[in-house]
């Protein structure tokens, strides 16, 4: 998906950032 060059840490950081944004918007993923 174009993230092959990213490390696991980078991927985790991106997902965590995305979760923070979703939470800020009032959206939560179960």
PDB file of N, CA and C in Angstrom:
ATOM      1  N   UNK A   1       0.836  -1.207   0.000  1.00  0.00           N
ATOM      2  CA  UNK A   1       0.000   0.000   0.000  1.00  0.00           C
ATOM      3  C   UNK A   1       0.872   1.260   0.000  1.00  0.00           C
ATOM      4  N   UNK A   2       2.141   1.094  -0.297  1.00  0.00           N
ATOM      5  CA  UNK A   2       3.023   2.251  -0.334  1.00  0.00           C
ATOM      6  C   UNK A   2       3.714   2.494   0.990  1.00  0.00           C
ATOM      7  N   UNK A   3       3.504   1.602   1.954  1.00  0.00           N
ATOM      8  CA  UNK A   3       4.125   1.784   3.265  1.00  0.00           C
ATOM      9  C   UNK A   3       5.261   0.794   3.487  1.00  0.00           C
ATOM     10  N   UNK A   4       5.674   0.118   2.416  1.00  0.00           N
ATOM     11  CA  UNK A   4       6.705  -0.904   2.551  1.00  0.00           C
ATOM     12  C   UNK A   4       8.013  -0.308   3.065  1.00  0.00           C
ATOM     13  N   UNK A   5       8.236   0.993   2.788  1.00  0.00           N
ATOM     14  CA  UNK A   5       9.488   1.617   3.193  1.00  0.00           C
ATOM     15  C   UNK A   5       9.454   2.068   4.650  1.00  0.00           C
ATOM     16  N   UNK A   6       8.279   1.978   5.264  1.00  0.00           N
ATOM     17  CA  UNK A   6       8.132   2.414   6.648  1.00  0.00           C
ATOM     18  C   UNK A   6       8.500   1.305   7.611  1.00  0.00           C
ATOM     19  N   UNK A   7       9.037   1.691   8.761  1.00  0.00           N
ATOM     20  CA  UNK A   7       9.360   0.705   9.781  1.00  0.00           C
ATOM     21  C   UNK A   7       8.119   0.442  10.608  1.00  0.00           C
ATOM     22  N   UNK A   8       8.153  -0.614  11.401  1.00  0.00           N
ATOM     23  CA  UNK A   8       7.000  -0.943  12.246  1.00  0.00           C
ATOM     24  C   UNK A   8       6.717   0.214  13.193  1.00  0.00           C
ATOM     25  N   UNK A   9       7.776   0.860  13.684  1.00  0.00           N
ATOM     26  CA  UNK A   9       7.596   1.972  14.620  1.00  0.00           C
ATOM     27  C   UNK A   9       6.883   3.127  13.927  1.00  0.00           C
ATOM     28  N   UNK A  10       7.291   3.408  12.687  1.00  0.00           N
ATOM     29  CA  UNK A  10       6.644   4.492  11.946  1.00  0.00           C
ATOM     30  C   UNK A  10       5.178   4.172  11.719  1.00  0.00           C
ATOM     31  N   UNK A  11       4.919   2.909  11.389  1.00  0.00           N
ATOM     32  CA  UNK A  11       3.538   2.496  11.117  1.00  0.00           C
ATOM     33  C   UNK A  11       2.695   2.632  12.384  1.00  0.00           C
ATOM     34  N   UNK A  12       3.273   2.229  13.520  1.00  0.00           N
ATOM     35  CA  UNK A  12       2.538   2.331  14.785  1.00  0.00           C
ATOM     36  C   UNK A  12       2.262   3.794  15.108  1.00  0.00           C
ATOM     37  N   UNK A  13       3.242   4.641  14.866  1.00  0.00           N
ATOM     38  CA  UNK A  13       3.089   6.068  15.155  1.00  0.00           C
ATOM     39  C   UNK A  13       1.985   6.663  14.294  1.00  0.00           C
ATOM     40  N   UNK A  14       1.939   6.259  13.021  1.00  0.00           N
ATOM     41  CA  UNK A  14       0.926   6.780  12.110  1.00  0.00           C
ATOM     42  C   UNK A  14      -0.462   6.325  12.543  1.00  0.00           C
ATOM     43  N   UNK A  15      -0.570   5.045  12.911  1.00  0.00           N
ATOM     44  CA  UNK A  15      -1.869   4.519  13.339  1.00  0.00           C
ATOM     45  C   UNK A  15      -2.322   5.205  14.619  1.00  0.00           C
ATOM     46  N   UNK A  16      -1.367   5.455  15.534  1.00  0.00           N
ATOM     47  CA  UNK A  16      -1.710   6.105  16.794  1.00  0.00           C
ATOM     48  C   UNK A  16      -2.182   7.533  16.512  1.00  0.00           C
ATOM     49  N   UNK A  17      -1.507   8.204  15.589  1.00  0.00           N
ATOM     50  CA  UNK A  17      -1.881   9.570  15.220  1.00  0.00           C
ATOM     51  C   UNK A  17      -3.287   9.581  14.631  1.00  0.00           C
ATOM     52  N   UNK A  18      -3.556   8.587  13.771  1.00  0.00           N
ATOM     53  CA  UNK A  18      -4.873   8.489  13.138  1.00  0.00           C
ATOM     54  C   UNK A  18      -5.951   8.265  14.196  1.00  0.00           C
ATOM     55  N   UNK A  19      -5.639   7.407  15.176  1.00  0.00           N
ATOM     56  CA  UNK A  19      -6.607   7.137  16.238  1.00  0.00           C
ATOM     57  C   UNK A  19      -6.908   8.411  17.015  1.00  0.00           C
ATOM     58  N   UNK A  20      -5.862   9.214  17.274  1.00  0.00           N
ATOM     59  CA  UNK A  20      -6.065  10.459  18.013  1.00  0.00           C
ATOM     60  C   UNK A  20      -6.979  11.395  17.236  1.00  0.00           C
ATOM     61  N   UNK A  21      -6.796  11.441  15.920  1.00  0.00           N
ATOM     62  CA  UNK A  21      -7.626  12.302  15.081  1.00  0.00           C
ATOM     63  C   UNK A  21      -9.072  11.820  15.102  1.00  0.00           C
ATOM     64  N   UNK A  22      -9.253  10.509  14.964  1.00  0.00           N
ATOM     65  CA  UNK A  22     -10.605   9.949  14.976  1.00  0.00           C
ATOM     66  C   UNK A  22     -11.279  10.220  16.315  1.00  0.00           C
ATOM     67  N   UNK A  23     -10.527  10.069  17.398  1.00  0.00           N
ATOM     68  CA  UNK A  23     -11.089  10.321  18.721  1.00  0.00           C
ATOM     69  C   UNK A  23     -11.486  11.788  18.850  1.00  0.00           C
ATOM     70  N   UNK A  24     -10.679  12.666  18.291  1.00  0.00           N
ATOM     71  CA  UNK A  24     -10.959  14.094  18.354  1.00  0.00           C
ATOM     72  C   UNK A  24     -12.244  14.415  17.593  1.00  0.00           C
ATOM     73  N   UNK A  25     -12.499  13.640  16.557  1.00  0.00           N
ATOM     74  CA  UNK A  25     -13.702  13.857  15.751  1.00  0.00           C
ATOM     75  C   UNK A  25     -14.907  13.150  16.352  1.00  0.00           C
ATOM     76  N   UNK A  26     -14.672  12.419  17.428  1.00  0.00           N
ATOM     77  CA  UNK A  26     -15.777  11.714  18.070  1.00  0.00           C
ATOM     78  C   UNK A  26     -16.022  10.355  17.457  1.00  0.00           C
ATOM     79  N   UNK A  27     -15.039   9.855  16.719  1.00  0.00           N
ATOM     80  CA  UNK A  27     -15.192   8.543  16.087  1.00  0.00           C
ATOM     81  C   UNK A  27     -14.261   7.549  16.772  1.00  0.00           C
ATOM     82  N   UNK A  28     -14.816   6.406  17.151  1.00  0.00           N
ATOM     83  CA  UNK A  28     -13.988   5.395  17.799  1.00  0.00           C
ATOM     84  C   UNK A  28     -14.086   4.083  17.047  1.00  0.00           C
ATOM     85  N   UNK A  29     -12.962   3.380  16.976  1.00  0.00           N
ATOM     86  CA  UNK A  29     -12.957   2.076  16.316  1.00  0.00           C
ATOM     87  C   UNK A  29     -12.969   0.987  17.370  1.00  0.00           C
ATOM     88  N   UNK A  30     -13.873   0.034  17.247  1.00  0.00           N
ATOM     89  CA  UNK A  30     -13.940  -1.058  18.216  1.00  0.00           C
ATOM     90  C   UNK A  30     -12.868  -2.086  17.913  1.00  0.00           C
TER      91      UNK A  30
END
